[in-house]
Amino acid sequence: MSRDGPHQPRSLFFRLSMRLALVGLVFMVVELSAVVWSYVNRPNELDQLLISAEADRIASDIPQMRASSTVPEDLRQPIAKGTQRAFLIHERGGGVIGQFDDGDIKVADEAPASFLVIRTQRENWGNRFLLSGTRRVTVADEPFWITVAIAGQGFGPFVPVIFNEIRFHVLFPLLLLSLLFLLFNFSVVRSTLRPLRATIAAVDGIDPAQVAMRIETKASSREVQALVSAVNRMLERVERAVRTLKDFAGDAAHELRTPLAIMMLSIGKLPEGEAKSRLAADAQGMKRLVDQMLDLSHVTALEIDANTRADLRAIASDVASELTPLAVARSRSIAFRDAGATEVHGHADAIGRALRNLVENAVSHTPPRTVVEVVAGPGGQCSVRDHGPGIPAAQRSAVLERFHRLDKSRTEGAGLGLAIASTIMTLHGGEIRIEDAPGGGALVRLIFPDSSSS
């Protein structure tokens, strides 16, 4: 493992592309080897290429030789180690304008026929050879006949010829073809992997809260379809497991309500005292936890009809009235105010649950003899304000998670109230916003879509 983190594996696109590129490289090497092998096994063609190449090299210096009547230094050098060479240059009238020999071989001063264009012949003496030939060339629109004789041995003199042939007539077309082949392969690999990338994006886009969601199986390769089917089967198993957990939580909370109610009645019959007060407070906390568990089970199964409207003013007023006895029992009070609330698209009971949890939280955290303010509006929003210690800005995202409590020493509450409200607002496409209240305390807003905040 490196200091920057674990090594990331190469992508499938990279691996396939590199393997196809390697195949193309092997193909190029095999093709070049086949070209060299074909030249080695066709010596007559190599002879013609060598004579033609030497004649072309000599022809390029004809203007200089005519001007200076001397052979340039580069034409005096042997074409390869252990070779000898001679040449004659005739013009149209048969005159010699240049000649050279660097050993025992010479070229007879016989003007070739004017119709001669190309001639090549070979003689062998053991492992040595003698090549001779004539080529007609045109320089400055004037014809010349160049006769060349080359003596040598082995394969060395032909290497530059083969290299030039490969470079000009094989390598460039082969490189171009290989490049097109690689580009085509890259395109094919990319298009082949496109369904896989789409599947990955679809899996990444699955909302954990929407476990009933499935990935569409579009026309693709059998491997991708098998992957999609496997993921969908996994999602089905996850959905069944989540539904089982939700049903268990709801069923358990429902079953606990009756014995809890009996226990609270029994506590009410006890004589007054500190022990009774503690038991009553604990029972009230258990009742709130059971109610929140039921709220969670209802919220997770919530479906909001497209035509359903909810009156925020009526909901906030009912919640304030319902929880006023709880606040009074704790030496607090609740004040309701309508600031011009409007109807919103939503589920009235679910919105009531969200607001009820906010008010219960506020009653728990505001000091005795203070007021919890419930405001409906302006527009599509509701707010709850207390006079407690408030919620630090760094903790405002965390308190919206389940079972998160700011003060771990407090035994009351399970840290579900704000999480329930946040879940309900998410299902409505809205948001829950936590702010500092003027003068101290927390101000929590439920803001629905297309609403304006004050």
Protein backbone atom coordinates (compact mmCIF):
# COMPACT_ATOMS: atom_id res chain seq x y z
CA MET A 1 0.00 0.00 0.00
CA SER A 2 1.38 3.41 -0.93
CA ARG A 3 1.29 6.49 1.22
CA ASP A 4 -1.49 7.92 -0.92
CA GLY A 5 -3.77 4.95 -0.29
CA PRO A 6 -4.42 1.49 -1.70
CA HIS A 7 -3.49 0.81 -5.30
CA GLN A 8 -6.46 1.25 -7.61
CA PRO A 9 -6.96 -1.60 -10.10
CA ARG A 10 -6.92 -0.83 -13.79
CA SER A 11 -10.25 -0.36 -15.51
CA LEU A 12 -11.67 -3.05 -17.76
CA PHE A 13 -11.56 -0.60 -20.67
CA PHE A 14 -7.83 -0.02 -20.09
CA ARG A 15 -7.06 -3.74 -19.87
CA LEU A 16 -8.99 -4.64 -23.01
CA SER A 17 -7.51 -1.71 -24.92
CA MET A 18 -3.95 -2.63 -23.90
CA ARG A 19 -4.46 -6.25 -24.89
CA LEU A 20 -5.83 -5.25 -28.27
CA ALA A 21 -2.92 -2.84 -28.71
CA LEU A 22 -0.53 -5.69 -27.90
CA VAL A 23 -2.26 -7.85 -30.49
CA GLY A 24 -1.82 -5.04 -33.03
CA LEU A 25 1.88 -4.74 -32.15
CA VAL A 26 2.40 -8.48 -32.55
CA PHE A 27 0.59 -8.31 -35.88
CA MET A 28 2.91 -5.51 -37.01
CA VAL A 29 6.05 -7.45 -36.01
CA VAL A 30 4.80 -10.58 -37.79
CA GLU A 31 4.00 -8.55 -40.90
CA LEU A 32 7.46 -6.94 -40.95
CA SER A 33 9.10 -10.33 -40.44
CA ALA A 34 7.09 -11.73 -43.34
CA VAL A 35 8.23 -8.85 -45.59
CA VAL A 36 11.90 -9.40 -44.71
CA TRP A 37 11.54 -13.15 -45.26
CA SER A 38 9.94 -12.60 -48.66
CA TYR A 39 12.81 -10.34 -49.80
CA VAL A 40 15.44 -12.77 -48.52
CA ASN A 41 13.86 -15.56 -50.53
CA ARG A 42 13.61 -13.46 -53.72
CA PRO A 43 17.21 -12.42 -54.50
CA ASN A 44 16.40 -11.31 -58.06
CA GLU A 45 14.05 -8.67 -56.73
CA LEU A 46 16.67 -7.54 -54.21
CA ASP A 47 19.23 -7.27 -57.04
CA GLN A 48 16.93 -5.00 -59.02
CA LEU A 49 16.17 -2.87 -55.97
CA LEU A 50 19.87 -2.46 -55.13
CA ILE A 51 20.82 -1.41 -58.69
CA SER A 52 17.84 0.98 -58.89
CA ALA A 53 18.65 2.53 -55.52
CA GLU A 54 22.28 3.09 -56.48
CA ALA A 55 21.29 4.55 -59.87
CA ASP A 56 18.89 6.97 -58.19
CA ARG A 57 21.60 8.04 -55.75
CA ILE A 58 24.02 8.67 -58.62
CA ALA A 59 21.36 10.53 -60.65
CA SER A 60 20.84 13.04 -57.86
CA ASP A 61 24.48 14.20 -58.29
CA ILE A 62 24.48 14.45 -62.14
CA PRO A 63 24.08 18.28 -62.17
CA GLN A 64 27.11 18.62 -59.89
CA MET A 65 29.21 16.22 -61.99
CA ARG A 66 28.35 18.07 -65.22
CA ALA A 67 29.33 21.36 -63.64
CA SER A 68 32.61 20.23 -62.06
CA SER A 69 33.54 17.20 -64.24
CA THR A 70 34.40 15.34 -61.04
CA VAL A 71 32.67 12.63 -59.03
CA PRO A 72 31.42 13.91 -55.63
CA GLU A 73 33.01 12.47 -52.52
CA ASP A 74 29.82 10.77 -51.32
CA LEU A 75 29.69 8.70 -54.54
CA ARG A 76 33.27 7.51 -53.97
CA GLN A 77 32.35 5.75 -50.71
CA PRO A 78 31.51 2.00 -50.82
CA ILE A 79 27.86 1.17 -50.28
CA ALA A 80 28.79 -1.42 -47.63
CA LYS A 81 31.83 -2.96 -46.01
CA GLY A 82 33.65 -5.39 -48.33
CA THR A 83 31.98 -4.17 -51.53
CA GLN A 84 33.40 -2.71 -54.73
CA ARG A 85 31.57 -0.57 -57.22
CA ALA A 86 31.88 1.07 -60.61
CA PHE A 87 29.52 3.17 -62.71
CA LEU A 88 29.26 5.01 -66.03
CA ILE A 89 26.84 7.78 -66.98
CA HIS A 90 25.92 8.20 -70.64
CA GLU A 91 23.94 11.03 -72.14
CA ARG A 92 21.65 10.83 -75.17
CA GLY A 93 24.43 11.06 -77.78
CA GLY A 94 26.45 8.29 -76.10
CA GLY A 95 28.98 10.58 -74.46
CA VAL A 96 30.20 9.79 -70.95
CA ILE A 97 29.63 12.58 -68.43
CA GLY A 98 30.83 10.68 -65.36
CA GLN A 99 32.50 7.44 -64.37
CA PHE A 100 34.03 5.82 -61.29
CA ASP A 101 35.46 2.51 -60.06
CA ASP A 102 36.93 1.70 -56.67
CA GLY A 103 38.57 -1.66 -57.35
CA ASP A 104 39.17 -4.32 -59.89
CA ILE A 105 35.75 -4.12 -61.52
CA LYS A 106 35.10 -1.77 -64.38
CA VAL A 107 32.15 -0.92 -66.60
CA ALA A 108 32.68 -1.19 -70.35
CA ASP A 109 32.25 2.13 -72.16
CA GLU A 110 29.44 0.95 -74.39
CA ALA A 111 26.55 3.30 -74.89
CA PRO A 112 23.30 1.43 -74.19
CA ALA A 113 20.50 1.40 -76.71
CA SER A 114 18.28 4.45 -76.49
CA PHE A 115 15.21 2.32 -75.91
CA LEU A 116 16.74 0.54 -72.89
CA VAL A 117 14.99 1.43 -69.63
CA ILE A 118 16.06 -1.25 -67.17
CA ARG A 119 18.50 -4.16 -67.21
CA THR A 120 19.85 -6.28 -64.37
CA GLN A 121 22.02 -9.40 -64.28
CA ARG A 122 23.85 -11.38 -61.60
CA GLU A 123 26.94 -13.59 -61.56
CA ASN A 124 28.08 -15.69 -58.60
CA TRP A 125 31.59 -16.94 -57.70
CA GLY A 126 31.31 -19.05 -54.59
CA ASN A 127 30.03 -16.82 -51.84
CA ARG A 128 30.69 -13.64 -53.81
CA PHE A 129 28.42 -11.98 -56.35
CA LEU A 130 28.66 -9.45 -59.15
CA LEU A 131 25.64 -7.34 -59.98
CA SER A 132 25.44 -5.16 -63.06
CA GLY A 133 22.63 -3.23 -64.58
CA THR A 134 21.51 -0.14 -66.44
CA ARG A 135 18.77 2.32 -65.54
CA ARG A 136 17.35 5.13 -67.60
CA VAL A 137 16.77 8.26 -65.54
CA THR A 138 15.55 11.76 -66.31
CA VAL A 139 17.26 14.79 -64.83
CA ALA A 140 16.05 18.29 -65.75
CA ASP A 141 13.94 16.81 -68.58
CA GLU A 142 17.03 15.19 -70.10
CA PRO A 143 17.49 11.38 -70.30
CA PHE A 144 20.60 9.64 -68.99
CA TRP A 145 21.65 5.99 -68.81
CA ILE A 146 23.46 4.91 -65.66
CA THR A 147 25.30 1.58 -65.72
CA VAL A 148 26.29 0.23 -62.31
CA ALA A 149 28.42 -2.77 -61.28
CA ILE A 150 28.58 -3.92 -57.65
CA ALA A 151 30.72 -6.75 -56.28
CA GLY A 152 30.43 -8.09 -52.75
CA GLN A 153 29.41 -10.97 -50.55
CA GLY A 154 26.79 -11.82 -47.98
CA PHE A 155 23.58 -10.03 -47.19
CA GLY A 156 25.03 -6.76 -45.86
CA PRO A 157 24.79 -4.68 -49.08
CA PHE A 158 21.06 -5.38 -49.30
CA VAL A 159 20.16 -4.31 -45.73
CA PRO A 160 19.78 -0.57 -46.59
CA VAL A 161 17.61 -1.49 -49.57
CA ILE A 162 15.32 -3.67 -47.47
CA PHE A 163 15.18 -0.96 -44.80
CA ASN A 164 14.18 1.68 -47.35
CA GLU A 165 11.56 -0.61 -48.88
CA ILE A 166 10.09 -1.33 -45.48
CA ARG A 167 10.20 2.33 -44.47
CA PHE A 168 8.58 3.76 -47.60
CA HIS A 169 6.34 0.95 -48.85
CA VAL A 170 5.50 -1.15 -45.80
CA LEU A 171 6.01 0.66 -42.50
CA PHE A 172 3.97 3.79 -43.19
CA PRO A 173 0.90 1.94 -44.56
CA LEU A 174 1.23 -0.63 -41.78
CA LEU A 175 1.43 2.07 -39.10
CA LEU A 176 -1.59 3.84 -40.56
CA LEU A 177 -3.52 0.58 -40.74
CA SER A 178 -2.49 -0.34 -37.18
CA LEU A 179 -3.56 3.08 -35.90
CA LEU A 180 -6.95 2.73 -37.57
CA PHE A 181 -7.18 -0.79 -36.15
CA LEU A 182 -6.46 0.47 -32.62
CA LEU A 183 -8.93 3.34 -32.92
CA PHE A 184 -11.56 0.93 -34.17
CA ASN A 185 -10.83 -1.44 -31.29
CA PHE A 186 -11.00 1.37 -28.74
CA SER A 187 -14.36 2.42 -30.16
CA VAL A 188 -15.66 -1.14 -30.10
CA VAL A 189 -14.47 -1.69 -26.52
CA ARG A 190 -16.00 1.60 -25.37
CA SER A 191 -19.35 0.86 -27.01
CA THR A 192 -19.30 -2.70 -25.67
CA LEU A 193 -18.68 -1.48 -22.12
CA ARG A 194 -21.28 1.30 -22.33
CA PRO A 195 -24.12 -0.92 -20.96
CA LEU A 196 -21.85 -1.92 -18.08
CA ARG A 197 -21.14 1.73 -17.25
CA ALA A 198 -24.87 2.47 -17.46
CA THR A 199 -25.54 -0.40 -15.06
CA ILE A 200 -22.93 0.92 -12.62
CA ALA A 201 -24.48 4.40 -12.78
CA ALA A 202 -27.94 2.91 -12.19
CA VAL A 203 -26.70 0.96 -9.15
CA ASP A 204 -24.97 4.07 -7.75
CA GLY A 205 -28.18 6.03 -8.26
CA ILE A 206 -30.32 3.71 -6.13
CA ASP A 207 -31.70 5.60 -3.15
CA PRO A 208 -31.34 3.54 0.05
CA ALA A 209 -34.74 4.85 1.07
CA GLN A 210 -36.32 3.45 -2.12
CA VAL A 211 -35.49 -0.24 -1.79
CA ALA A 212 -38.32 -1.16 -4.16
CA MET A 213 -36.38 0.39 -7.04
CA ARG A 214 -35.08 -1.96 -9.75
CA ILE A 215 -32.60 -1.62 -12.61
CA GLU A 216 -34.05 -1.87 -16.10
CA THR A 217 -32.78 -4.79 -18.18
CA LYS A 218 -32.24 -3.32 -21.63
CA ALA A 219 -31.05 -5.16 -24.71
CA SER A 220 -27.39 -5.85 -24.11
CA SER A 221 -24.90 -8.66 -23.79
CA ARG A 222 -25.84 -11.74 -21.83
CA GLU A 223 -23.11 -10.98 -19.29
CA VAL A 224 -24.49 -7.51 -18.51
CA GLN A 225 -28.03 -8.88 -18.36
CA ALA A 226 -26.84 -11.54 -15.92
CA LEU A 227 -25.23 -8.83 -13.78
CA VAL A 228 -28.39 -6.69 -13.82
CA SER A 229 -30.53 -9.70 -12.91
CA ALA A 230 -28.19 -10.58 -10.03
CA VAL A 231 -28.33 -7.00 -8.70
CA ASN A 232 -32.13 -6.96 -8.96
CA ARG A 233 -32.34 -10.27 -7.09
CA MET A 234 -30.10 -8.80 -4.40
CA LEU A 235 -32.36 -5.73 -4.19
CA GLU A 236 -35.37 -8.00 -3.78
CA ARG A 237 -33.67 -9.76 -0.87
CA VAL A 238 -32.72 -6.41 0.68
CA GLU A 239 -36.29 -5.16 0.24
CA ARG A 240 -37.69 -8.23 1.97
CA ALA A 241 -35.20 -7.83 4.82
CA VAL A 242 -35.96 -4.11 5.22
CA ARG A 243 -39.70 -4.75 5.09
CA THR A 244 -39.32 -7.42 7.76
CA LEU A 245 -37.41 -5.01 9.99
CA LYS A 246 -39.98 -2.27 9.41
CA ASP A 247 -42.86 -4.61 10.15
CA PHE A 248 -41.09 -5.84 13.27
CA ALA A 249 -40.54 -2.29 14.56
CA GLY A 250 -44.15 -1.33 13.88
CA ASP A 251 -45.57 -4.55 15.30
CA ALA A 252 -43.37 -4.33 18.40
CA ALA A 253 -44.37 -0.72 19.01
CA HIS A 254 -48.04 -1.57 18.51
CA GLU A 255 -47.86 -4.51 20.92
CA LEU A 256 -46.12 -2.36 23.53
CA ARG A 257 -48.84 0.28 23.60
CA THR A 258 -51.36 -1.78 25.60
CA PRO A 259 -49.03 -2.97 28.40
CA LEU A 260 -47.52 0.52 28.52
CA ALA A 261 -50.97 2.08 28.96
CA ILE A 262 -51.75 -0.41 31.75
CA MET A 263 -48.43 0.41 33.41
CA MET A 264 -49.13 4.14 33.26
CA LEU A 265 -52.56 3.58 34.85
CA SER A 266 -50.96 1.53 37.59
CA ILE A 267 -48.37 4.24 38.22
CA GLY A 268 -51.19 6.77 38.52
CA LYS A 269 -52.66 4.77 41.43
CA LEU A 270 -49.45 4.94 43.44
CA PRO A 271 -49.19 7.38 46.34
CA GLU A 272 -47.69 10.74 45.53
CA GLY A 273 -43.95 11.01 45.98
CA GLU A 274 -40.57 11.21 44.31
CA ALA A 275 -40.63 7.55 43.26
CA LYS A 276 -43.98 7.98 41.53
CA SER A 277 -42.74 11.08 39.70
CA ARG A 278 -39.65 9.23 38.42
CA LEU A 279 -41.74 6.25 37.29
CA ALA A 280 -44.25 8.52 35.57
CA ALA A 281 -41.45 10.38 33.74
CA ASP A 282 -39.87 7.10 32.63
CA ALA A 283 -43.21 5.76 31.45
CA GLN A 284 -43.88 8.97 29.54
CA GLY A 285 -40.47 8.64 27.85
CA MET A 286 -41.27 5.03 26.92
CA LYS A 287 -44.60 6.13 25.50
CA ARG A 288 -42.90 8.75 23.37
CA LEU A 289 -40.38 6.20 22.10
CA VAL A 290 -43.17 3.79 21.18
CA ASP A 291 -45.04 6.59 19.41
CA GLN A 292 -41.89 7.50 17.48
CA MET A 293 -41.35 3.87 16.46
CA LEU A 294 -44.91 3.83 15.12
CA ASP A 295 -44.23 7.12 13.33
CA LEU A 296 -41.16 5.58 11.69
CA SER A 297 -43.09 2.54 10.53
CA HIS A 298 -45.81 4.77 9.07
CA VAL A 299 -43.34 7.13 7.41
CA THR A 300 -41.39 4.39 5.65
CA ALA A 301 -44.62 3.12 4.10
CA LEU A 302 -45.88 6.60 3.21
CA GLU A 303 -47.25 7.22 -0.28
CA ILE A 304 -48.24 10.76 -1.22
CA ASP A 305 -51.00 11.14 -3.79
CA ALA A 306 -50.31 13.71 -6.49
CA ASN A 307 -53.60 15.54 -5.75
CA THR A 308 -53.35 15.55 -1.95
CA ARG A 309 -53.26 18.99 -0.31
CA ALA A 310 -52.47 19.81 3.31
CA ASP A 311 -53.53 22.93 5.27
CA LEU A 312 -50.45 23.98 7.25
CA ARG A 313 -52.39 26.40 9.47
CA ALA A 314 -54.86 23.73 10.58
CA ILE A 315 -52.11 21.15 11.11
CA ALA A 316 -49.96 23.48 13.22
CA SER A 317 -52.96 24.64 15.26
CA ASP A 318 -54.03 21.05 16.02
CA VAL A 319 -50.49 20.00 17.04
CA ALA A 320 -50.13 23.02 19.35
CA SER A 321 -53.49 22.28 21.00
CA GLU A 322 -52.73 18.56 21.33
CA LEU A 323 -49.35 19.06 23.03
CA THR A 324 -50.32 21.98 25.28
CA PRO A 325 -51.27 19.67 28.20
CA LEU A 326 -47.84 17.99 27.94
CA ALA A 327 -46.12 21.37 28.03
CA VAL A 328 -48.20 22.59 30.98
CA ALA A 329 -47.41 19.41 32.92
CA ARG A 330 -43.72 20.29 32.49
CA SER A 331 -44.20 23.96 33.46
CA ARG A 332 -43.89 25.15 29.87
CA SER A 333 -46.39 26.66 27.47
CA ILE A 334 -47.07 26.57 23.74
CA ALA A 335 -48.09 29.60 21.67
CA PHE A 336 -49.49 29.26 18.15
CA ARG A 337 -49.48 32.00 15.50
CA ASP A 338 -50.66 32.04 11.89
CA ALA A 339 -48.26 34.07 9.72
CA GLY A 340 -50.11 33.53 6.46
CA ALA A 341 -49.64 29.82 5.85
CA THR A 342 -50.82 28.30 2.59
CA GLU A 343 -51.84 24.84 1.49
CA VAL A 344 -49.08 22.58 0.23
CA HIS A 345 -48.90 19.32 -1.66
CA GLY A 346 -48.47 16.68 1.01
CA HIS A 347 -49.85 14.14 3.45
CA ALA A 348 -51.53 15.95 6.36
CA ASP A 349 -51.04 13.17 8.94
CA ALA A 350 -47.34 12.80 8.06
CA ILE A 351 -46.77 16.56 8.24
CA GLY A 352 -48.51 16.54 11.61
CA ARG A 353 -46.16 13.80 12.83
CA ALA A 354 -43.13 15.80 11.72
CA LEU A 355 -44.37 18.97 13.44
CA ARG A 356 -45.38 17.02 16.58
CA ASN A 357 -41.85 15.63 16.93
CA LEU A 358 -40.38 19.12 16.59
CA VAL A 359 -42.69 20.53 19.26
CA GLU A 360 -41.98 17.62 21.63
CA ASN A 361 -38.25 18.20 21.17
CA ALA A 362 -38.71 21.91 21.85
CA VAL A 363 -40.73 21.21 25.03
CA SER A 364 -37.96 18.88 26.22
CA HIS A 365 -35.17 21.42 25.69
CA THR A 366 -36.77 24.78 26.55
CA PRO A 367 -36.34 25.85 30.21
CA PRO A 368 -39.32 25.83 32.63
CA ARG A 369 -41.67 28.81 32.46
CA THR A 370 -40.72 29.58 28.85
CA VAL A 371 -42.82 29.45 25.71
CA VAL A 372 -42.48 27.18 22.68
CA GLU A 373 -43.63 29.16 19.66
CA VAL A 374 -45.33 27.35 16.77
CA VAL A 375 -45.76 29.48 13.64
CA ALA A 376 -47.63 28.47 10.47
CA GLY A 377 -46.29 30.38 7.48
CA PRO A 378 -45.48 32.60 5.84
CA GLY A 379 -46.30 30.60 2.74
CA GLY A 380 -45.51 26.90 2.61
CA GLN A 381 -43.54 26.55 5.83
CA CYS A 382 -43.92 25.98 9.56
CA SER A 383 -41.46 26.80 12.32
CA VAL A 384 -40.92 25.83 15.95
CA ARG A 385 -38.85 27.99 18.28
CA ASP A 386 -37.65 27.23 21.82
CA HIS A 387 -35.51 29.10 24.37
CA GLY A 388 -33.07 26.31 25.12
CA PRO A 389 -29.32 26.08 24.47
CA GLY A 390 -29.79 25.81 20.71
CA ILE A 391 -28.01 23.47 18.29
CA PRO A 392 -24.39 24.21 17.29
CA ALA A 393 -23.91 24.75 13.56
CA ALA A 394 -21.42 21.87 13.35
CA GLN A 395 -24.03 19.46 14.77
CA ARG A 396 -27.04 20.47 12.68
CA SER A 397 -26.55 17.81 10.02
CA ALA A 398 -25.81 15.09 12.56
CA VAL A 399 -28.95 15.70 14.65
CA LEU A 400 -31.07 14.79 11.62
CA GLU A 401 -29.74 11.23 11.80
CA ARG A 402 -31.46 8.53 13.83
CA PHE A 403 -30.45 8.01 17.47
CA HIS A 404 -28.19 11.07 17.54
CA ARG A 405 -28.39 13.11 20.73
CA LEU A 406 -26.45 16.29 21.49
CA ASP A 407 -26.33 15.67 25.24
CA LYS A 408 -25.46 12.01 25.89
CA SER A 409 -26.06 12.50 29.61
CA ARG A 410 -29.78 13.13 29.06
CA THR A 411 -31.78 9.94 29.53
CA GLU A 412 -34.98 11.21 27.94
CA GLY A 413 -35.49 10.83 24.21
CA ALA A 414 -33.93 8.37 21.79
CA GLY A 415 -32.78 10.85 19.17
CA LEU A 416 -35.54 9.99 16.69
CA GLY A 417 -37.66 13.15 16.58
CA LEU A 418 -35.62 15.24 14.16
CA ALA A 419 -34.79 12.15 12.07
CA ILE A 420 -38.51 11.41 11.63
CA ALA A 421 -39.21 15.02 10.66
CA SER A 422 -36.29 15.02 8.20
CA THR A 423 -37.49 11.77 6.58
CA ILE A 424 -41.01 13.14 6.17
CA MET A 425 -39.73 16.36 4.61
CA THR A 426 -37.51 14.42 2.20
CA LEU A 427 -40.52 12.40 1.06
CA HIS A 428 -42.35 15.68 0.43
CA GLY A 429 -39.44 17.12 -1.56
CA GLY A 430 -38.86 19.76 1.11
CA GLU A 431 -36.19 20.38 3.72
CA ILE A 432 -35.75 20.89 7.43
CA ARG A 433 -33.66 23.93 8.32
CA ILE A 434 -32.12 24.56 11.75
CA GLU A 435 -31.19 28.12 12.75
CA ASP A 436 -30.30 30.17 15.81
CA ALA A 437 -33.37 31.91 17.20
CA PRO A 438 -33.11 35.65 17.95
CA GLY A 439 -32.31 36.04 21.64
CA GLY A 440 -31.19 32.42 22.03
CA GLY A 441 -32.63 28.99 21.46
CA ALA A 442 -33.25 26.94 18.35
CA LEU A 443 -35.49 27.78 15.40
CA VAL A 444 -36.43 24.77 13.25
CA ARG A 445 -38.29 25.30 9.98
CA LEU A 446 -40.19 22.82 7.81
CA ILE A 447 -39.92 24.29 4.31
CA PHE A 448 -41.97 22.79 1.50
CA PRO A 449 -41.21 23.15 -2.22
CA ASP A 450 -41.96 26.51 -3.86
CA SER A 451 -42.25 28.24 -0.50
CA SER A 452 -40.59 31.53 0.43
CA SER A 453 -38.69 31.84 3.69
CA SER A 454 -38.89 34.94 5.83
